[in-house]
Amino acid sequence: MEKYDYLIVGSGLFGSIFAYEATKKGKKCLLIEKRNNIGGNIYTEKIHGINVHKYGAHIFHTNNKEIWDYINQFSEFNRYTNSPVANYKNELYNLPFNMNTFNRLWGVITPEEARRKIEEEKAEARIKEPKNLEEQAISLVGTTIYEKLIKGYTEKQWGKKCSELPNFIIKRLPVRLIYDNNYFNCKYQGIPIGGYTCIIEKMLKDVEVWLNYDYFEHKKELEKIAKKIVFTGPIDKYYDYRFGKLEYRSLKFETEEININNYQGNAVINYTDFETPYTRIIEHKHFEYGKSLGNEENEETQNHTIITKEYPITWDDTKEPYYPINNEKNNNLYIKYNQQAKKDSNIIFGGRLGTYKYYDMDKVIEEALNTLRNEKII
């Protein structure tokens, strides 16, 4: 009873791109989505004139012109530049670590003064072979930056002390000896005008989509409905955890509408002390130019704003998996699942959960296009 060429599970970037390109080439596709909206974690909802990033802030950035040109066919992007601020016990610092940060920390003025201060702290720590994340970070940037801008945020993010986390989580920490607050060192960067949902809507315009439809609740009736399955959910759940469960960190979002024009003056502020329970506050209107100016042109948004606090939480089966915990144990477990997947010719795994890897959006697009090439669809 194969009615479709492809059953696509999940309407995030990977699944939507696959469905769009396959449909364009005459393949019959059915896309199912367990949520009541398309877009996966990049879903944005317009609330009182503000495009709210419902599942965390997503800022598109890439150095790959092919990927930039590809995504721009679906939407015009603004020129938003990610310039987050760190709040450590009400002390404010620019991110990434740059001359503005170093001046605020130590009062240094020149790049040479900043470099010398960092090298002094690294030498004082006397760490030659870092055994954990704490030692790795200090060996890269010294004690002051670690204590104020890395330690608390990281321990909240992963739910463990930095001294208990493996050193490979931080391979490098960018230190910029220039006055530049641009977080992403990428040639192309921005936010789609109108939000990310508009992009997914265009991709799925000609695709049959079933919302509120969980693959695992309807697995028996879906197993033979298509020649191939494109699966973007958790790979271990697909195989009924036969080798064991992969681990994740999850997030809790608290979104609030406030009757003022401007709450924090920036789209993203990270809270880097451990005592503050959330890792960051997003003020969504700052992703879009002009909406926080409070002028007549922005009458719809000038008297209110929307913020979201992000709380890292322990993951279990009842919560959304956000961040794969790519330690040695989990990576070895994923290898077993991947080896099983290679034996199954009727299933394609993709995206963050299907491949147990954290991806930036441009890498998801690249992975989807490469998968389509392997299928000889494009």
Protein backbone atom coordinates (compact mmCIF):
# COMPACT_ATOMS: atom_id res chain seq x y z
CA MET A 1 0.00 0.00 0.00
CA GLU A 2 2.81 2.46 -0.83
CA LYS A 3 1.07 5.76 -1.58
CA TYR A 4 4.15 7.98 -1.24
CA ASP A 5 7.74 8.00 -2.36
CA TYR A 6 8.81 9.57 0.93
CA LEU A 7 7.29 9.82 4.39
CA ILE A 8 9.06 12.73 6.09
CA VAL A 9 8.90 12.85 9.88
CA GLY A 10 9.43 16.36 11.23
CA SER A 11 8.94 19.81 9.70
CA GLY A 12 12.18 21.47 10.77
CA LEU A 13 14.71 22.72 8.25
CA PHE A 14 16.00 19.29 7.23
CA GLY A 15 12.60 17.70 6.71
CA SER A 16 11.11 20.74 5.00
CA ILE A 17 14.01 21.16 2.58
CA PHE A 18 13.88 17.48 1.69
CA ALA A 19 10.12 17.64 1.13
CA TYR A 20 10.41 20.82 -0.96
CA GLU A 21 13.13 19.54 -3.28
CA ALA A 22 11.66 16.04 -3.63
CA THR A 23 8.20 17.43 -4.42
CA LYS A 24 9.70 19.82 -6.95
CA LYS A 25 11.18 16.82 -8.76
CA GLY A 26 7.85 15.03 -8.93
CA LYS A 27 8.21 12.79 -5.87
CA LYS A 28 5.04 12.24 -3.85
CA CYS A 29 5.74 13.21 -0.24
CA LEU A 30 3.82 13.15 3.02
CA LEU A 31 5.24 15.19 5.89
CA ILE A 32 4.01 14.57 9.42
CA GLU A 33 4.65 16.80 12.43
CA LYS A 34 3.84 15.97 16.06
CA ARG A 35 3.40 19.63 17.04
CA ASN A 36 0.46 21.77 15.94
CA ASN A 37 2.74 24.01 13.89
CA ILE A 38 5.36 23.61 11.18
CA GLY A 39 8.96 24.72 11.50
CA GLY A 40 10.42 22.57 14.26
CA ASN A 41 12.55 24.60 16.65
CA ILE A 42 12.89 27.55 14.26
CA TYR A 43 9.13 28.21 14.47
CA THR A 44 8.30 31.89 14.97
CA GLU A 45 4.87 33.19 15.96
CA LYS A 46 3.74 36.77 15.37
CA ILE A 47 2.30 38.16 18.60
CA HIS A 48 1.08 41.76 18.61
CA GLY A 49 3.40 42.72 15.78
CA ILE A 50 6.50 40.95 17.17
CA ASN A 51 7.92 37.74 15.68
CA VAL A 52 8.57 35.55 18.73
CA HIS A 53 11.17 32.76 18.49
CA LYS A 54 9.13 30.15 20.35
CA TYR A 55 11.93 27.61 20.87
CA GLY A 56 14.93 29.83 21.49
CA ALA A 57 16.71 32.49 19.48
CA HIS A 58 17.80 31.53 15.96
CA ILE A 59 20.22 33.83 14.14
CA PHE A 60 21.18 32.68 10.68
CA HIS A 61 24.88 32.90 9.88
CA THR A 62 27.19 31.25 7.37
CA ASN A 63 30.32 31.67 5.29
CA ASN A 64 28.91 29.43 2.57
CA LYS A 65 27.51 31.55 -0.29
CA GLU A 66 25.70 28.56 -1.80
CA ILE A 67 23.78 28.06 1.44
CA TRP A 68 23.13 31.80 1.84
CA ASP A 69 21.77 32.05 -1.71
CA TYR A 70 19.66 28.94 -1.17
CA ILE A 71 17.87 30.19 1.96
CA ASN A 72 17.44 33.69 0.50
CA GLN A 73 15.18 32.34 -2.26
CA PHE A 74 12.52 31.85 0.43
CA SER A 75 12.84 35.13 2.29
CA GLU A 76 14.58 38.48 2.36
CA PHE A 77 16.88 38.74 5.39
CA ASN A 78 17.54 41.82 7.48
CA ARG A 79 21.07 42.78 8.48
CA TYR A 80 20.78 41.79 12.14
CA THR A 81 24.19 41.23 13.74
CA ASN A 82 24.34 39.09 16.85
CA SER A 83 26.01 41.15 19.60
CA PRO A 84 25.07 39.53 22.91
CA VAL A 85 25.84 41.03 26.29
CA ALA A 86 26.88 39.08 29.38
CA ASN A 87 25.41 40.01 32.75
CA TYR A 88 27.55 38.79 35.65
CA LYS A 89 25.98 39.91 38.94
CA ASN A 90 24.84 43.16 37.22
CA GLU A 91 28.23 43.78 35.65
CA LEU A 92 27.79 43.99 31.86
CA TYR A 93 30.36 42.68 29.35
CA ASN A 94 30.41 42.41 25.59
CA LEU A 95 30.57 39.02 23.89
CA PRO A 96 32.51 37.47 22.27
CA PHE A 97 35.59 38.28 24.37
CA ASN A 98 37.02 41.42 22.75
CA MET A 99 38.69 44.69 23.64
CA ASN A 100 35.45 46.12 25.05
CA THR A 101 35.30 43.09 27.38
CA PHE A 102 38.95 43.38 28.43
CA ASN A 103 38.68 47.09 29.09
CA ARG A 104 35.69 46.47 31.34
CA LEU A 105 37.46 43.61 33.16
CA TRP A 106 40.91 45.12 33.68
CA GLY A 107 40.86 48.71 32.42
CA VAL A 108 43.34 47.86 29.65
CA ILE A 109 43.36 50.06 26.54
CA THR A 110 45.64 48.45 23.98
CA PRO A 111 45.56 44.96 22.47
CA GLU A 112 49.06 44.30 23.79
CA GLU A 113 47.97 45.12 27.36
CA ALA A 114 45.01 42.73 27.03
CA ARG A 115 47.16 39.96 25.54
CA ARG A 116 49.74 40.36 28.31
CA LYS A 117 47.06 40.21 31.04
CA ILE A 118 45.56 36.99 29.63
CA GLU A 119 49.00 35.39 29.26
CA GLU A 120 49.88 36.33 32.85
CA GLU A 121 46.77 34.59 34.19
CA LYS A 122 47.37 31.52 32.04
CA ALA A 123 50.96 31.30 33.30
CA GLU A 124 49.85 31.68 36.93
CA ALA A 125 47.41 28.76 36.55
CA ARG A 126 50.27 26.45 35.46
CA ILE A 127 47.96 24.06 33.59
CA LYS A 128 49.90 22.01 31.04
CA GLU A 129 47.50 19.14 30.37
CA PRO A 130 43.87 20.16 31.05
CA LYS A 131 41.93 17.27 32.61
CA ASN A 132 38.47 18.85 32.54
CA LEU A 133 36.53 21.78 31.11
CA GLU A 134 37.51 24.12 33.93
CA GLU A 135 41.22 23.56 33.38
CA GLN A 136 40.77 23.72 29.61
CA ALA A 137 39.04 27.10 29.78
CA ILE A 138 41.57 28.60 32.20
CA SER A 139 44.44 27.35 30.05
CA LEU A 140 42.90 29.21 27.09
CA VAL A 141 41.74 32.53 28.58
CA GLY A 142 42.87 32.75 32.21
CA THR A 143 40.99 32.81 35.50
CA THR A 144 39.10 36.12 35.36
CA ILE A 145 37.29 35.48 32.08
CA TYR A 146 36.58 31.91 33.13
CA GLU A 147 35.12 32.86 36.53
CA LYS A 148 32.93 35.70 35.27
CA LEU A 149 31.89 34.71 31.77
CA ILE A 150 32.20 30.93 31.39
CA LYS A 151 31.85 28.99 34.64
CA GLY A 152 28.32 29.80 35.83
CA TYR A 153 26.75 29.80 32.37
CA THR A 154 28.33 26.47 31.46
CA GLU A 155 27.40 24.77 34.73
CA LYS A 156 23.79 25.85 34.29
CA GLN A 157 23.80 24.76 30.65
CA TRP A 158 25.06 21.23 31.34
CA GLY A 159 23.82 20.69 34.88
CA LYS A 160 27.29 19.75 36.13
CA LYS A 161 30.32 21.48 37.61
CA CYS A 162 32.92 22.50 35.04
CA SER A 163 35.46 20.40 36.91
CA GLU A 164 33.25 17.36 36.16
CA LEU A 165 32.80 18.11 32.45
CA PRO A 166 35.21 16.75 29.82
CA ASN A 167 37.75 19.18 28.39
CA PHE A 168 36.77 18.50 24.75
CA ILE A 169 33.51 20.47 25.16
CA ILE A 170 35.64 23.62 24.79
CA LYS A 171 38.12 23.11 21.99
CA ARG A 172 38.87 26.80 21.66
CA LEU A 173 37.66 30.15 22.99
CA PRO A 174 37.89 33.04 20.56
CA VAL A 175 39.80 36.01 21.95
CA ARG A 176 39.48 39.08 19.73
CA LEU A 177 42.01 41.79 20.32
CA ILE A 178 39.79 44.29 18.50
CA TYR A 179 36.79 46.42 19.45
CA ASP A 180 34.21 44.26 17.69
CA ASN A 181 31.01 42.89 19.26
CA ASN A 182 29.97 40.76 16.26
CA TYR A 183 29.53 37.31 17.83
CA PHE A 184 29.59 35.31 14.60
CA ASN A 185 32.67 35.67 12.47
CA CYS A 186 30.64 34.97 9.32
CA LYS A 187 30.33 36.76 6.00
CA TYR A 188 26.54 36.36 5.86
CA GLN A 189 24.22 36.95 8.81
CA GLY A 190 20.67 38.02 9.49
CA ILE A 191 17.08 37.22 10.46
CA PRO A 192 14.37 36.51 7.85
CA ILE A 193 11.98 39.43 7.57
CA GLY A 194 8.63 38.15 8.79
CA GLY A 195 10.16 35.29 10.78
CA TYR A 196 11.30 31.75 10.02
CA THR A 197 7.81 30.27 9.75
CA CYS A 198 7.33 32.14 6.46
CA ILE A 199 10.30 30.20 5.01
CA ILE A 200 8.90 26.83 6.01
CA GLU A 201 5.44 27.76 4.70
CA LYS A 202 6.93 28.46 1.27
CA MET A 203 8.87 25.20 1.30
CA LEU A 204 5.80 23.15 2.19
CA LYS A 205 3.27 25.01 0.02
CA ASP A 206 2.84 22.04 -2.36
CA VAL A 207 3.51 19.27 0.18
CA GLU A 208 0.86 17.21 1.98
CA VAL A 209 1.31 17.97 5.69
CA TRP A 210 -0.37 16.36 8.70
CA LEU A 211 -0.01 18.30 11.97
CA ASN A 212 -0.53 16.91 15.48
CA TYR A 213 0.50 13.52 14.11
CA ASP A 214 3.06 11.62 16.16
CA TYR A 215 4.97 8.98 14.22
CA PHE A 216 5.26 6.65 17.21
CA GLU A 217 1.52 6.75 17.93
CA HIS A 218 0.78 5.68 14.33
CA LYS A 219 3.87 3.64 13.56
CA LYS A 220 2.09 0.49 12.37
CA GLU A 221 -0.09 2.30 9.85
CA LEU A 222 2.85 4.41 8.61
CA GLU A 223 5.42 1.64 8.17
CA LYS A 224 4.28 0.67 4.68
CA ILE A 225 2.80 3.93 3.47
CA ALA A 226 5.95 5.07 1.63
CA LYS A 227 8.95 3.61 -0.16
CA LYS A 228 11.32 5.45 2.17
CA ILE A 229 11.16 7.25 5.49
CA VAL A 230 13.07 10.47 6.14
CA PHE A 231 13.27 10.59 9.92
CA THR A 232 14.38 13.68 11.86
CA GLY A 233 13.36 12.52 15.33
CA PRO A 234 15.58 10.75 17.88
CA ILE A 235 17.39 7.84 16.24
CA ASP A 236 17.44 5.79 19.45
CA LYS A 237 13.67 6.13 19.87
CA TYR A 238 13.14 4.97 16.28
CA TYR A 239 14.96 1.74 17.15
CA ASP A 240 13.04 1.43 20.41
CA TYR A 241 16.21 2.11 22.44
CA ARG A 242 17.59 -1.35 21.62
CA PHE A 243 21.16 -0.29 22.46
CA GLY A 244 20.22 2.13 25.25
CA LYS A 245 19.08 5.75 25.55
CA LEU A 246 21.06 8.70 24.24
CA GLU A 247 21.21 11.64 26.63
CA TYR A 248 20.24 15.28 26.10
CA ARG A 249 19.80 18.56 27.90
CA SER A 250 16.44 20.23 27.63
CA LEU A 251 15.12 23.78 28.01
CA LYS A 252 12.17 25.48 29.66
CA PHE A 253 10.94 28.76 28.19
CA GLU A 254 9.09 31.47 30.11
CA THR A 255 7.65 34.09 27.76
CA GLU A 256 6.13 37.30 29.03
CA GLU A 257 4.59 40.37 27.42
CA ILE A 258 5.54 43.60 29.18
CA ASN A 259 3.89 46.98 28.70
CA ILE A 260 7.02 48.99 28.04
CA ASN A 261 8.74 49.75 24.77
CA ASN A 262 12.20 48.45 25.62
CA TYR A 263 13.03 45.96 28.40
CA GLN A 264 16.77 45.29 28.15
CA GLY A 265 18.11 47.20 25.15
CA ASN A 266 19.47 44.13 23.36
CA ALA A 267 18.11 40.98 21.72
CA VAL A 268 20.24 38.60 23.78
CA ILE A 269 21.62 39.00 27.29
CA ASN A 270 23.40 36.00 28.84
CA TYR A 271 23.38 35.60 32.61
CA THR A 272 26.76 34.12 33.45
CA ASP A 273 26.57 33.86 37.24
CA PHE A 274 25.37 30.53 38.63
CA GLU A 275 22.86 32.09 41.04
CA THR A 276 20.58 33.38 38.26
CA PRO A 277 18.58 30.27 37.28
CA TYR A 278 18.16 31.12 33.60
CA THR A 279 20.99 31.33 31.07
CA ARG A 280 19.65 34.17 28.97
CA ILE A 281 16.80 36.56 28.26
CA ILE A 282 15.69 37.12 24.68
CA GLU A 283 13.87 40.36 23.79
CA HIS A 284 12.38 39.44 20.45
CA LYS A 285 11.61 42.85 18.99
CA HIS A 286 15.36 43.69 18.87
CA PHE A 287 15.85 41.07 16.15
CA GLU A 288 13.90 43.37 13.83
CA TYR A 289 15.11 46.84 12.92
CA GLY A 290 13.01 49.77 14.04
CA LYS A 291 10.52 47.92 16.23
CA SER A 292 12.06 49.17 19.47
CA LEU A 293 12.39 52.81 18.39
CA GLY A 294 8.96 53.82 19.68
CA ASN A 295 8.15 56.09 16.76
CA GLU A 296 4.90 56.56 14.83
CA GLU A 297 5.96 54.03 12.18
CA ASN A 298 6.00 51.32 14.85
CA GLU A 299 2.82 52.20 16.67
CA GLU A 300 1.82 48.52 16.88
CA THR A 301 4.88 47.61 18.98
CA GLN A 302 5.94 50.83 20.70
CA ASN A 303 4.03 50.31 23.98
CA HIS A 304 4.89 46.67 24.62
CA THR A 305 7.66 44.13 24.28
CA ILE A 306 7.99 40.34 24.61
CA ILE A 307 10.80 38.60 26.48
CA THR A 308 11.68 34.93 26.95
CA LYS A 309 13.78 33.49 29.75
CA GLU A 310 15.61 30.23 28.97
CA TYR A 311 16.17 27.68 31.74
CA PRO A 312 18.33 24.62 31.04
CA ILE A 313 16.73 21.56 32.62
CA THR A 314 17.35 17.85 32.98
CA TRP A 315 15.94 15.90 30.06
CA ASP A 316 13.64 12.91 30.26
CA ASP A 317 11.13 11.29 27.89
CA THR A 318 8.47 13.88 28.69
CA LYS A 319 10.66 16.82 27.63
CA GLU A 320 11.96 18.06 24.30
CA PRO A 321 15.57 17.00 23.59
CA TYR A 322 17.57 20.10 22.63
CA TYR A 323 21.29 19.54 23.15
CA PRO A 324 22.96 16.17 22.55
CA ILE A 325 25.43 15.32 25.31
CA ASN A 326 28.29 14.30 23.04
CA ASN A 327 30.53 12.67 25.62
CA GLU A 328 32.40 9.43 24.96
CA LYS A 329 29.63 7.23 26.34
CA ASN A 330 26.89 8.75 24.19
CA ASN A 331 29.01 9.03 21.06
CA ASN A 332 29.88 5.33 21.28
CA LEU A 333 26.21 4.53 21.74
CA TYR A 334 25.29 6.61 18.69
CA ILE A 335 27.84 4.69 16.60
CA LYS A 336 25.82 1.52 17.24
CA TYR A 337 22.62 3.19 16.09
CA ASN A 338 24.32 4.66 13.04
CA GLN A 339 25.70 1.26 12.09
CA GLN A 340 22.19 -0.17 12.32
CA ALA A 341 20.82 2.68 10.20
CA LYS A 342 23.32 1.93 7.44
CA LYS A 343 21.91 -1.60 7.20
CA ASP A 344 18.36 -0.32 6.70
CA SER A 345 17.98 0.85 3.10
CA ASN A 346 14.47 2.27 3.52
CA ILE A 347 15.30 4.85 6.20
CA ILE A 348 17.19 8.16 6.05
CA PHE A 349 18.11 9.90 9.30
CA GLY A 350 18.73 13.62 9.32
CA GLY A 351 18.87 16.73 11.46
CA ARG A 352 20.02 17.26 15.02
CA LEU A 353 18.16 14.33 16.58
CA GLY A 354 18.51 11.90 13.71
CA THR A 355 22.29 12.26 13.66
CA TYR A 356 22.80 13.08 17.38
CA LYS A 357 24.76 16.21 16.61
CA TYR A 358 24.26 19.90 17.36
CA TYR A 359 23.97 21.81 14.08
CA ASP A 360 23.87 25.47 13.19
CA MET A 361 21.13 26.19 10.65
CA ASP A 362 23.48 26.50 7.69
CA LYS A 363 24.93 23.06 8.44
CA VAL A 364 21.41 21.56 8.56
CA ILE A 365 20.73 22.98 5.10
CA GLU A 366 24.05 21.66 3.84
CA GLU A 367 23.31 18.22 5.27
CA ALA A 368 19.82 18.18 3.71
CA LEU A 369 21.13 19.15 0.27
CA ASN A 370 23.87 16.52 0.46
CA THR A 371 21.28 13.91 1.40
CA LEU A 372 19.15 14.93 -1.58
CA ARG A 373 22.20 14.56 -3.82
CA ASN A 374 22.85 11.09 -2.44
CA GLU A 375 19.24 10.21 -3.26
CA LYS A 376 19.84 11.62 -6.78
CA ILE A 377 16.94 14.02 -6.34
CA ILE A 378 19.02 17.11 -7.04
